[in-house]
Amino acid sequence: MDAVDSKTSRGAANGIDAAAELTQFLERRRAEPANRAAIDAAIDTRFGRTQAVMFTDLVGFSRTVEAFGILHFLQLIQEAETLFLPLITQHGGRCLKREGDSLLALFDVPAQALACALAMNEATRNVNPGRSPEERIEVCVGLGFGAASFKKLGQLGRSVDAICSAP
């Protein structure tokens, strides 16, 4: 969500950027006595939206690290990010988090997320021919669609929870 680093239509129309608006909500939330449930609902109404969530993970992390060491796998992570991050942007997404061999991205439209996932698979098919198994980049992509919000710090709602806990 762009709430902390850009102007949004409602906030910009009033001359208040989204970061300042969120700061005002949080200051009200800290005040005593605060009706935190009402303030949280207002934050969700103002900043929450329905989005597609993408979670990627490179295949074989543990096996590759065990057999070839962490530096080999860091090289593969860097190469995968070089392939995948531009695709996320090209398909209208925003990468929210890079952690280890995983990426977390948001898209406004599910079709954008699906097209990006397909492009990622195509990119790996194009780069892998002729590579040894330990040099191959293989990605697992999970997609979800639902409410993205500030409900809990570090969470984006049920879509992320469902993707991250899928077998």
N, C-alpha and C. Protein backbone atom coordinates (compact mmCIF):
# COMPACT_ATOMS: atom_id res chain seq x y z
N MET A 1 0.83 -1.16 0.00
CA MET A 1 0.00 0.00 0.00
C MET A 1 0.88 1.23 0.00
N ASP A 2 0.48 2.28 -0.70
CA ASP A 2 1.27 3.48 -0.85
C ASP A 2 0.98 4.51 0.23
N ALA A 3 0.26 4.15 1.26
CA ALA A 3 -0.25 5.11 2.22
C ALA A 3 0.83 5.93 2.89
N VAL A 4 2.00 5.43 3.03
CA VAL A 4 3.01 6.17 3.76
C VAL A 4 4.01 6.87 2.86
N ASP A 5 3.91 6.72 1.55
CA ASP A 5 4.92 7.36 0.73
C ASP A 5 4.37 8.09 -0.48
N SER A 6 3.08 8.30 -0.56
CA SER A 6 2.56 9.04 -1.70
C SER A 6 1.28 9.75 -1.33
N LYS A 7 0.90 10.68 -2.18
CA LYS A 7 -0.39 11.35 -1.98
C LYS A 7 -1.47 10.52 -2.63
N THR A 8 -2.59 10.40 -1.95
CA THR A 8 -3.71 9.69 -2.51
C THR A 8 -4.78 10.70 -2.87
N SER A 9 -5.77 10.29 -3.64
CA SER A 9 -6.74 11.24 -4.17
C SER A 9 -7.47 12.01 -3.07
N ARG A 10 -7.94 11.35 -2.03
CA ARG A 10 -8.66 12.07 -0.98
C ARG A 10 -7.74 12.98 -0.19
N GLY A 11 -6.59 12.46 0.22
CA GLY A 11 -5.65 13.27 1.00
C GLY A 11 -5.09 14.42 0.19
N ALA A 12 -4.72 14.15 -1.06
CA ALA A 12 -4.14 15.19 -1.90
C ALA A 12 -5.16 16.28 -2.18
N ALA A 13 -6.42 15.93 -2.32
CA ALA A 13 -7.46 16.92 -2.59
C ALA A 13 -7.57 17.90 -1.43
N ASN A 14 -7.29 17.46 -0.23
CA ASN A 14 -7.35 18.33 0.94
C ASN A 14 -6.00 18.94 1.28
N GLY A 15 -5.00 18.72 0.46
CA GLY A 15 -3.67 19.23 0.72
C GLY A 15 -2.91 18.45 1.77
N ILE A 16 -3.41 17.29 2.16
CA ILE A 16 -2.76 16.46 3.17
C ILE A 16 -2.26 15.20 2.48
N ASP A 17 -0.97 14.91 2.61
CA ASP A 17 -0.50 13.67 2.01
C ASP A 17 -0.88 12.49 2.90
N ALA A 18 -0.85 11.32 2.32
CA ALA A 18 -1.32 10.12 3.02
C ALA A 18 -0.51 9.84 4.28
N ALA A 19 0.80 10.10 4.24
CA ALA A 19 1.63 9.85 5.42
C ALA A 19 1.19 10.75 6.58
N ALA A 20 0.93 12.02 6.27
CA ALA A 20 0.49 12.94 7.31
C ALA A 20 -0.89 12.53 7.84
N GLU A 21 -1.75 12.10 6.95
CA GLU A 21 -3.08 11.67 7.37
C GLU A 21 -3.01 10.44 8.28
N LEU A 22 -2.17 9.48 7.91
CA LEU A 22 -2.00 8.30 8.75
C LEU A 22 -1.41 8.69 10.11
N THR A 23 -0.46 9.61 10.11
CA THR A 23 0.13 10.09 11.36
C THR A 23 -0.95 10.67 12.26
N GLN A 24 -1.86 11.44 11.69
CA GLN A 24 -2.95 12.02 12.47
C GLN A 24 -3.83 10.92 13.08
N PHE A 25 -4.16 9.90 12.29
CA PHE A 25 -4.95 8.79 12.82
C PHE A 25 -4.22 8.12 13.98
N LEU A 26 -2.93 7.86 13.80
CA LEU A 26 -2.16 7.16 14.83
C LEU A 26 -2.02 8.00 16.10
N GLU A 27 -1.89 9.31 15.94
CA GLU A 27 -1.83 10.19 17.12
C GLU A 27 -3.15 10.14 17.87
N ARG A 28 -4.27 10.16 17.16
CA ARG A 28 -5.58 10.03 17.80
C ARG A 28 -5.70 8.68 18.49
N ARG A 29 -5.13 7.64 17.87
CA ARG A 29 -5.21 6.28 18.43
C ARG A 29 -4.45 6.21 19.76
N ARG A 30 -3.35 6.96 19.86
CA ARG A 30 -2.54 6.96 21.08
C ARG A 30 -3.18 7.74 22.21
N ALA A 31 -4.00 8.71 21.88
CA ALA A 31 -4.59 9.60 22.88
C ALA A 31 -5.52 8.81 23.80
N GLU A 32 -5.56 9.24 25.04
CA GLU A 32 -6.46 8.64 26.01
C GLU A 32 -7.65 9.54 26.23
N PRO A 33 -8.84 9.14 26.35
CA PRO A 33 -9.29 7.79 26.00
C PRO A 33 -9.53 7.70 24.49
N ALA A 34 -8.99 6.71 23.89
CA ALA A 34 -9.14 6.52 22.45
C ALA A 34 -10.08 5.36 22.19
N ASN A 35 -10.95 5.55 21.25
CA ASN A 35 -11.78 4.45 20.78
C ASN A 35 -11.01 3.77 19.66
N ARG A 36 -10.10 2.89 20.04
CA ARG A 36 -9.20 2.28 19.06
C ARG A 36 -9.93 1.49 17.98
N ALA A 37 -11.00 0.84 18.34
CA ALA A 37 -11.75 0.06 17.34
C ALA A 37 -12.30 0.99 16.26
N ALA A 38 -12.84 2.14 16.67
CA ALA A 38 -13.39 3.09 15.70
C ALA A 38 -12.29 3.70 14.84
N ILE A 39 -11.16 4.02 15.47
CA ILE A 39 -10.03 4.60 14.72
C ILE A 39 -9.47 3.56 13.75
N ASP A 40 -9.33 2.31 14.21
CA ASP A 40 -8.85 1.25 13.32
C ASP A 40 -9.78 1.07 12.14
N ALA A 41 -11.08 1.13 12.38
CA ALA A 41 -12.06 1.02 11.28
C ALA A 41 -11.91 2.19 10.32
N ALA A 42 -11.67 3.39 10.85
CA ALA A 42 -11.48 4.55 9.99
C ALA A 42 -10.21 4.42 9.15
N ILE A 43 -9.13 3.90 9.74
CA ILE A 43 -7.89 3.67 9.00
C ILE A 43 -8.13 2.65 7.90
N ASP A 44 -8.84 1.57 8.23
CA ASP A 44 -9.16 0.55 7.22
C ASP A 44 -10.00 1.13 6.09
N THR A 45 -10.99 1.95 6.44
CA THR A 45 -11.85 2.55 5.43
C THR A 45 -11.04 3.48 4.53
N ARG A 46 -10.15 4.25 5.13
CA ARG A 46 -9.38 5.24 4.38
C ARG A 46 -8.27 4.63 3.54
N PHE A 47 -7.56 3.64 4.09
CA PHE A 47 -6.37 3.13 3.42
C PHE A 47 -6.51 1.71 2.90
N GLY A 48 -7.44 0.93 3.45
CA GLY A 48 -7.58 -0.46 3.03
C GLY A 48 -8.18 -0.54 1.63
N ARG A 49 -7.86 -1.59 0.93
CA ARG A 49 -8.44 -1.83 -0.38
C ARG A 49 -8.26 -3.28 -0.76
N THR A 50 -9.04 -3.71 -1.72
CA THR A 50 -8.95 -5.08 -2.19
C THR A 50 -7.85 -5.17 -3.23
N GLN A 51 -6.94 -6.10 -3.02
CA GLN A 51 -5.80 -6.24 -3.93
C GLN A 51 -5.42 -7.70 -4.10
N ALA A 52 -4.66 -7.93 -5.16
CA ALA A 52 -4.08 -9.25 -5.37
C ALA A 52 -2.71 -9.28 -4.69
N VAL A 53 -2.43 -10.36 -4.03
CA VAL A 53 -1.17 -10.55 -3.32
C VAL A 53 -0.40 -11.67 -3.99
N MET A 54 0.89 -11.45 -4.21
CA MET A 54 1.76 -12.48 -4.80
C MET A 54 2.88 -12.78 -3.81
N PHE A 55 3.12 -14.05 -3.61
CA PHE A 55 4.23 -14.49 -2.78
C PHE A 55 5.04 -15.47 -3.61
N THR A 56 6.34 -15.20 -3.77
CA THR A 56 7.20 -16.10 -4.54
C THR A 56 8.22 -16.74 -3.62
N ASP A 57 8.68 -17.90 -4.03
CA ASP A 57 9.70 -18.62 -3.28
C ASP A 57 10.52 -19.43 -4.27
N LEU A 58 11.82 -19.35 -4.18
CA LEU A 58 12.66 -20.16 -5.05
C LEU A 58 12.64 -21.60 -4.57
N VAL A 59 12.61 -22.51 -5.51
CA VAL A 59 12.53 -23.94 -5.21
C VAL A 59 13.91 -24.46 -4.83
N GLY A 60 13.97 -25.28 -3.78
CA GLY A 60 15.19 -26.00 -3.43
C GLY A 60 16.18 -25.25 -2.58
N PHE A 61 15.75 -24.26 -1.82
CA PHE A 61 16.67 -23.46 -1.02
C PHE A 61 17.53 -24.32 -0.11
N SER A 62 16.90 -25.14 0.72
CA SER A 62 17.66 -25.94 1.70
C SER A 62 18.63 -26.90 1.03
N ARG A 63 18.15 -27.59 0.01
CA ARG A 63 19.04 -28.54 -0.70
C ARG A 63 20.22 -27.83 -1.34
N THR A 64 19.94 -26.69 -1.98
CA THR A 64 21.00 -25.96 -2.68
C THR A 64 22.02 -25.41 -1.69
N VAL A 65 21.56 -24.81 -0.61
CA VAL A 65 22.49 -24.25 0.38
C VAL A 65 23.33 -25.36 1.00
N GLU A 66 22.69 -26.46 1.35
CA GLU A 66 23.41 -27.58 1.96
C GLU A 66 24.48 -28.13 1.03
N ALA A 67 24.15 -28.26 -0.24
CA ALA A 67 25.08 -28.87 -1.19
C ALA A 67 26.14 -27.90 -1.70
N PHE A 68 25.78 -26.63 -1.91
CA PHE A 68 26.70 -25.71 -2.60
C PHE A 68 27.07 -24.46 -1.81
N GLY A 69 26.51 -24.30 -0.64
CA GLY A 69 26.85 -23.16 0.20
C GLY A 69 25.95 -21.95 -0.05
N ILE A 70 25.97 -21.06 0.90
CA ILE A 70 25.09 -19.89 0.87
C ILE A 70 25.46 -18.93 -0.25
N LEU A 71 26.74 -18.77 -0.56
CA LEU A 71 27.14 -17.82 -1.61
C LEU A 71 26.56 -18.21 -2.96
N HIS A 72 26.54 -19.49 -3.25
CA HIS A 72 25.93 -19.96 -4.50
C HIS A 72 24.46 -19.58 -4.54
N PHE A 73 23.77 -19.79 -3.44
CA PHE A 73 22.35 -19.49 -3.44
C PHE A 73 22.10 -17.98 -3.45
N LEU A 74 22.94 -17.18 -2.80
CA LEU A 74 22.79 -15.73 -2.86
C LEU A 74 22.91 -15.24 -4.30
N GLN A 75 23.80 -15.88 -5.05
CA GLN A 75 23.94 -15.54 -6.47
C GLN A 75 22.63 -15.83 -7.21
N LEU A 76 22.01 -16.97 -6.93
CA LEU A 76 20.75 -17.31 -7.58
C LEU A 76 19.63 -16.35 -7.15
N ILE A 77 19.62 -15.95 -5.89
CA ILE A 77 18.62 -14.99 -5.42
C ILE A 77 18.78 -13.68 -6.19
N GLN A 78 20.01 -13.21 -6.30
CA GLN A 78 20.25 -11.96 -7.02
C GLN A 78 19.81 -12.08 -8.48
N GLU A 79 20.12 -13.19 -9.10
CA GLU A 79 19.72 -13.38 -10.50
C GLU A 79 18.20 -13.45 -10.64
N ALA A 80 17.55 -14.15 -9.72
CA ALA A 80 16.09 -14.24 -9.75
C ALA A 80 15.46 -12.87 -9.57
N GLU A 81 15.97 -12.08 -8.62
CA GLU A 81 15.43 -10.74 -8.41
C GLU A 81 15.63 -9.87 -9.64
N THR A 82 16.77 -10.05 -10.32
CA THR A 82 17.01 -9.30 -11.55
C THR A 82 15.97 -9.65 -12.62
N LEU A 83 15.54 -10.90 -12.63
CA LEU A 83 14.49 -11.33 -13.56
C LEU A 83 13.10 -10.86 -13.11
N PHE A 84 12.79 -11.04 -11.83
CA PHE A 84 11.42 -10.90 -11.35
C PHE A 84 10.99 -9.48 -10.98
N LEU A 85 11.87 -8.70 -10.37
CA LEU A 85 11.46 -7.36 -9.92
C LEU A 85 10.98 -6.47 -11.07
N PRO A 86 11.67 -6.44 -12.22
CA PRO A 86 11.14 -5.65 -13.33
C PRO A 86 9.79 -6.17 -13.84
N LEU A 87 9.58 -7.49 -13.78
CA LEU A 87 8.30 -8.04 -14.22
C LEU A 87 7.17 -7.59 -13.31
N ILE A 88 7.43 -7.52 -12.00
CA ILE A 88 6.42 -7.04 -11.07
C ILE A 88 6.01 -5.62 -11.44
N THR A 89 6.99 -4.77 -11.67
CA THR A 89 6.72 -3.38 -12.04
C THR A 89 6.00 -3.30 -13.39
N GLN A 90 6.47 -4.05 -14.37
CA GLN A 90 5.86 -4.02 -15.70
C GLN A 90 4.41 -4.45 -15.69
N HIS A 91 4.04 -5.28 -14.75
CA HIS A 91 2.66 -5.77 -14.66
C HIS A 91 1.81 -4.98 -13.66
N GLY A 92 2.31 -3.81 -13.24
CA GLY A 92 1.53 -2.94 -12.38
C GLY A 92 1.60 -3.26 -10.91
N GLY A 93 2.55 -4.07 -10.50
CA GLY A 93 2.68 -4.45 -9.10
C GLY A 93 3.72 -3.63 -8.37
N ARG A 94 3.74 -3.82 -7.05
CA ARG A 94 4.72 -3.20 -6.18
C ARG A 94 5.30 -4.27 -5.29
N CYS A 95 6.61 -4.40 -5.29
CA CYS A 95 7.25 -5.34 -4.39
C CYS A 95 7.31 -4.69 -3.01
N LEU A 96 6.64 -5.33 -2.05
CA LEU A 96 6.61 -4.79 -0.69
C LEU A 96 7.74 -5.31 0.17
N LYS A 97 8.17 -6.54 -0.12
CA LYS A 97 9.15 -7.15 0.79
C LYS A 97 10.00 -8.15 0.02
N ARG A 98 11.28 -8.11 0.31
CA ARG A 98 12.23 -9.10 -0.19
C ARG A 98 12.84 -9.73 1.05
N GLU A 99 12.64 -11.01 1.21
CA GLU A 99 13.19 -11.68 2.38
C GLU A 99 13.73 -13.03 1.96
N GLY A 100 15.05 -13.19 2.12
CA GLY A 100 15.68 -14.44 1.69
C GLY A 100 15.41 -14.66 0.22
N ASP A 101 14.85 -15.81 -0.09
CA ASP A 101 14.57 -16.15 -1.49
C ASP A 101 13.13 -15.87 -1.88
N SER A 102 12.44 -15.04 -1.11
CA SER A 102 11.02 -14.78 -1.33
C SER A 102 10.75 -13.31 -1.63
N LEU A 103 9.69 -13.08 -2.40
CA LEU A 103 9.21 -11.73 -2.70
C LEU A 103 7.74 -11.67 -2.33
N LEU A 104 7.31 -10.53 -1.82
CA LEU A 104 5.91 -10.27 -1.54
C LEU A 104 5.52 -9.03 -2.33
N ALA A 105 4.51 -9.16 -3.21
CA ALA A 105 4.10 -8.05 -4.07
C ALA A 105 2.59 -7.87 -4.05
N LEU A 106 2.15 -6.65 -4.29
CA LEU A 106 0.73 -6.33 -4.38
C LEU A 106 0.41 -5.82 -5.78
N PHE A 107 -0.78 -6.18 -6.25
CA PHE A 107 -1.31 -5.74 -7.54
C PHE A 107 -2.74 -5.27 -7.32
N ASP A 108 -3.15 -4.24 -8.05
CA ASP A 108 -4.51 -3.74 -7.92
C ASP A 108 -5.54 -4.64 -8.58
N VAL A 109 -5.10 -5.41 -9.58
CA VAL A 109 -6.01 -6.24 -10.36
C VAL A 109 -5.47 -7.68 -10.39
N PRO A 110 -6.32 -8.68 -10.09
CA PRO A 110 -5.85 -10.06 -10.11
C PRO A 110 -5.23 -10.48 -11.44
N ALA A 111 -5.77 -10.00 -12.55
CA ALA A 111 -5.22 -10.37 -13.86
C ALA A 111 -3.77 -9.91 -14.01
N GLN A 112 -3.42 -8.78 -13.39
CA GLN A 112 -2.04 -8.31 -13.42
C GLN A 112 -1.12 -9.29 -12.69
N ALA A 113 -1.57 -9.74 -11.53
CA ALA A 113 -0.77 -10.67 -10.74
C ALA A 113 -0.59 -11.99 -11.48
N LEU A 114 -1.67 -12.48 -12.08
CA LEU A 114 -1.59 -13.73 -12.84
C LEU A 114 -0.66 -13.58 -14.04
N ALA A 115 -0.78 -12.48 -14.77
CA ALA A 115 0.10 -12.25 -15.92
C ALA A 115 1.55 -12.18 -15.48
N CYS A 116 1.80 -11.57 -14.34
CA CYS A 116 3.16 -11.48 -13.82
C CYS A 116 3.70 -12.86 -13.45
N ALA A 117 2.88 -13.67 -12.79
CA ALA A 117 3.29 -15.03 -12.42
C ALA A 117 3.65 -15.83 -13.67
N LEU A 118 2.82 -15.72 -14.70
CA LEU A 118 3.10 -16.43 -15.95
C LEU A 118 4.38 -15.91 -16.60
N ALA A 119 4.60 -14.60 -16.54
CA ALA A 119 5.83 -14.02 -17.09
C ALA A 119 7.06 -14.48 -16.31
N MET A 120 6.92 -14.64 -15.00
CA MET A 120 8.04 -15.15 -14.19
C MET A 120 8.38 -16.58 -14.61
N ASN A 121 7.36 -17.40 -14.78
CA ASN A 121 7.61 -18.78 -15.22
C ASN A 121 8.24 -18.80 -16.60
N GLU A 122 7.78 -17.94 -17.49
CA GLU A 122 8.37 -17.85 -18.83
C GLU A 122 9.82 -17.40 -18.76
N ALA A 123 10.11 -16.43 -17.90
CA ALA A 123 11.49 -15.95 -17.75
C ALA A 123 12.41 -17.07 -17.28
N THR A 124 11.94 -17.89 -16.34
CA THR A 124 12.79 -18.99 -15.87
C THR A 124 12.96 -20.04 -16.96
N ARG A 125 11.90 -20.29 -17.75
CA ARG A 125 12.03 -21.25 -18.86
C ARG A 125 13.06 -20.75 -19.88
N ASN A 126 13.11 -19.45 -20.08
CA ASN A 126 14.06 -18.89 -21.05
C ASN A 126 15.49 -18.88 -20.55
N VAL A 127 15.68 -18.72 -19.26
CA VAL A 127 17.04 -18.60 -18.72
C VAL A 127 17.65 -19.96 -18.35
N ASN A 128 16.83 -20.99 -18.14
CA ASN A 128 17.34 -22.26 -17.62
C ASN A 128 17.94 -23.23 -18.65
N PRO A 129 17.58 -23.21 -19.91
CA PRO A 129 18.15 -24.20 -20.83
C PRO A 129 19.68 -24.19 -20.82
N GLY A 130 20.24 -25.37 -20.78
CA GLY A 130 21.68 -25.52 -20.78
C GLY A 130 22.33 -25.37 -19.41
N ARG A 131 21.57 -25.04 -18.41
CA ARG A 131 22.13 -24.90 -17.07
C ARG A 131 22.11 -26.23 -16.34
N SER A 132 23.09 -26.41 -15.48
CA SER A 132 23.08 -27.59 -14.62
C SER A 132 21.95 -27.43 -13.60
N PRO A 133 21.49 -28.52 -13.01
CA PRO A 133 20.36 -28.44 -12.06
C PRO A 133 20.60 -27.44 -10.93
N GLU A 134 21.83 -27.36 -10.42
CA GLU A 134 22.10 -26.45 -9.30
C GLU A 134 22.13 -24.99 -9.72
N GLU A 135 22.18 -24.72 -11.01
CA GLU A 135 22.20 -23.34 -11.52
C GLU A 135 20.82 -22.88 -12.00
N ARG A 136 19.86 -23.79 -12.01
CA ARG A 136 18.53 -23.46 -12.51
C ARG A 136 17.78 -22.57 -11.52
N ILE A 137 17.01 -21.65 -12.07
CA ILE A 137 16.13 -20.82 -11.25
C ILE A 137 14.72 -21.36 -11.45
N GLU A 138 14.16 -21.84 -10.35
CA GLU A 138 12.79 -22.35 -10.38
C GLU A 138 12.03 -21.64 -9.28
N VAL A 139 10.82 -21.20 -9.61
CA VAL A 139 10.05 -20.39 -8.68
C VAL A 139 8.67 -21.00 -8.44
N CYS A 140 8.23 -20.89 -7.21
CA CYS A 140 6.87 -21.25 -6.82
C CYS A 140 6.17 -19.92 -6.54
N VAL A 141 4.99 -19.73 -7.15
CA VAL A 141 4.27 -18.48 -7.00
C VAL A 141 2.89 -18.76 -6.41
N GLY A 142 2.57 -18.07 -5.34
CA GLY A 142 1.23 -18.14 -4.75
C GLY A 142 0.52 -16.83 -4.96
N LEU A 143 -0.76 -16.89 -5.33
CA LEU A 143 -1.57 -15.69 -5.56
C LEU A 143 -2.81 -15.72 -4.69
N GLY A 144 -3.21 -14.58 -4.22
CA GLY A 144 -4.44 -14.46 -3.47
C GLY A 144 -5.09 -13.13 -3.80
N PHE A 145 -6.35 -12.99 -3.43
CA PHE A 145 -7.06 -11.75 -3.69
C PHE A 145 -7.96 -11.46 -2.50
N GLY A 146 -7.83 -10.27 -1.95
CA GLY A 146 -8.65 -9.93 -0.80
C GLY A 146 -8.29 -8.59 -0.23
N ALA A 147 -8.79 -8.34 0.96
CA ALA A 147 -8.58 -7.05 1.62
C ALA A 147 -7.15 -6.92 2.11
N ALA A 148 -6.50 -5.86 1.71
CA ALA A 148 -5.17 -5.51 2.21
C ALA A 148 -5.38 -4.30 3.11
N SER A 149 -4.85 -4.35 4.33
CA SER A 149 -5.11 -3.27 5.27
C SER A 149 -4.00 -3.16 6.29
N PHE A 150 -4.19 -2.24 7.22
CA PHE A 150 -3.27 -2.03 8.32
C PHE A 150 -3.70 -2.78 9.57
N LYS A 151 -4.52 -3.81 9.44
CA LYS A 151 -5.10 -4.44 10.63
C LYS A 151 -4.05 -4.82 11.65
N LYS A 152 -2.96 -5.40 11.21
CA LYS A 152 -1.87 -5.74 12.12
C LYS A 152 -0.57 -5.39 11.43
N LEU A 153 0.34 -4.79 12.17
CA LEU A 153 1.63 -4.44 11.62
C LEU A 153 2.31 -5.68 11.05
N GLY A 154 2.78 -5.59 9.81
CA GLY A 154 3.46 -6.71 9.18
C GLY A 154 2.53 -7.68 8.50
N GLN A 155 1.23 -7.46 8.56
CA GLN A 155 0.28 -8.34 7.89
C GLN A 155 -0.50 -7.55 6.87
N LEU A 156 -0.97 -8.25 5.85
CA LEU A 156 -1.76 -7.59 4.82
C LEU A 156 -3.14 -8.21 4.71
N GLY A 157 -3.56 -8.90 5.73
CA GLY A 157 -4.90 -9.48 5.69
C GLY A 157 -4.87 -10.97 5.42
N ARG A 158 -6.04 -11.51 5.22
CA ARG A 158 -6.19 -12.96 5.08
C ARG A 158 -5.55 -13.54 3.83
N SER A 159 -5.46 -12.76 2.74
CA SER A 159 -4.86 -13.28 1.51
C SER A 159 -3.43 -13.72 1.74
N VAL A 160 -2.65 -12.86 2.42
CA VAL A 160 -1.25 -13.20 2.68
C VAL A 160 -1.18 -14.41 3.61
N ASP A 161 -2.00 -14.42 4.65
CA ASP A 161 -2.01 -15.56 5.56
C ASP A 161 -2.30 -16.85 4.82
N ALA A 162 -3.29 -16.81 3.92
CA ALA A 162 -3.66 -18.02 3.17
C ALA A 162 -2.54 -18.47 2.24
N ILE A 163 -1.92 -17.52 1.55
CA ILE A 163 -0.83 -17.87 0.64
C ILE A 163 0.33 -18.47 1.41
N CYS A 164 0.71 -17.83 2.50
CA CYS A 164 1.87 -18.26 3.26
C CYS A 164 1.66 -19.59 3.96
N SER A 165 0.42 -19.95 4.24
CA SER A 165 0.18 -21.21 4.94
C SER A 165 -0.30 -22.32 4.01
N ALA A 166 -0.37 -22.04 2.70
CA ALA A 166 -0.83 -23.08 1.75
C ALA A 166 0.20 -24.22 1.70
N PRO A 167 -0.28 -25.46 1.60
CA PRO A 167 0.67 -26.58 1.56
C PRO A 167 1.45 -26.62 0.26
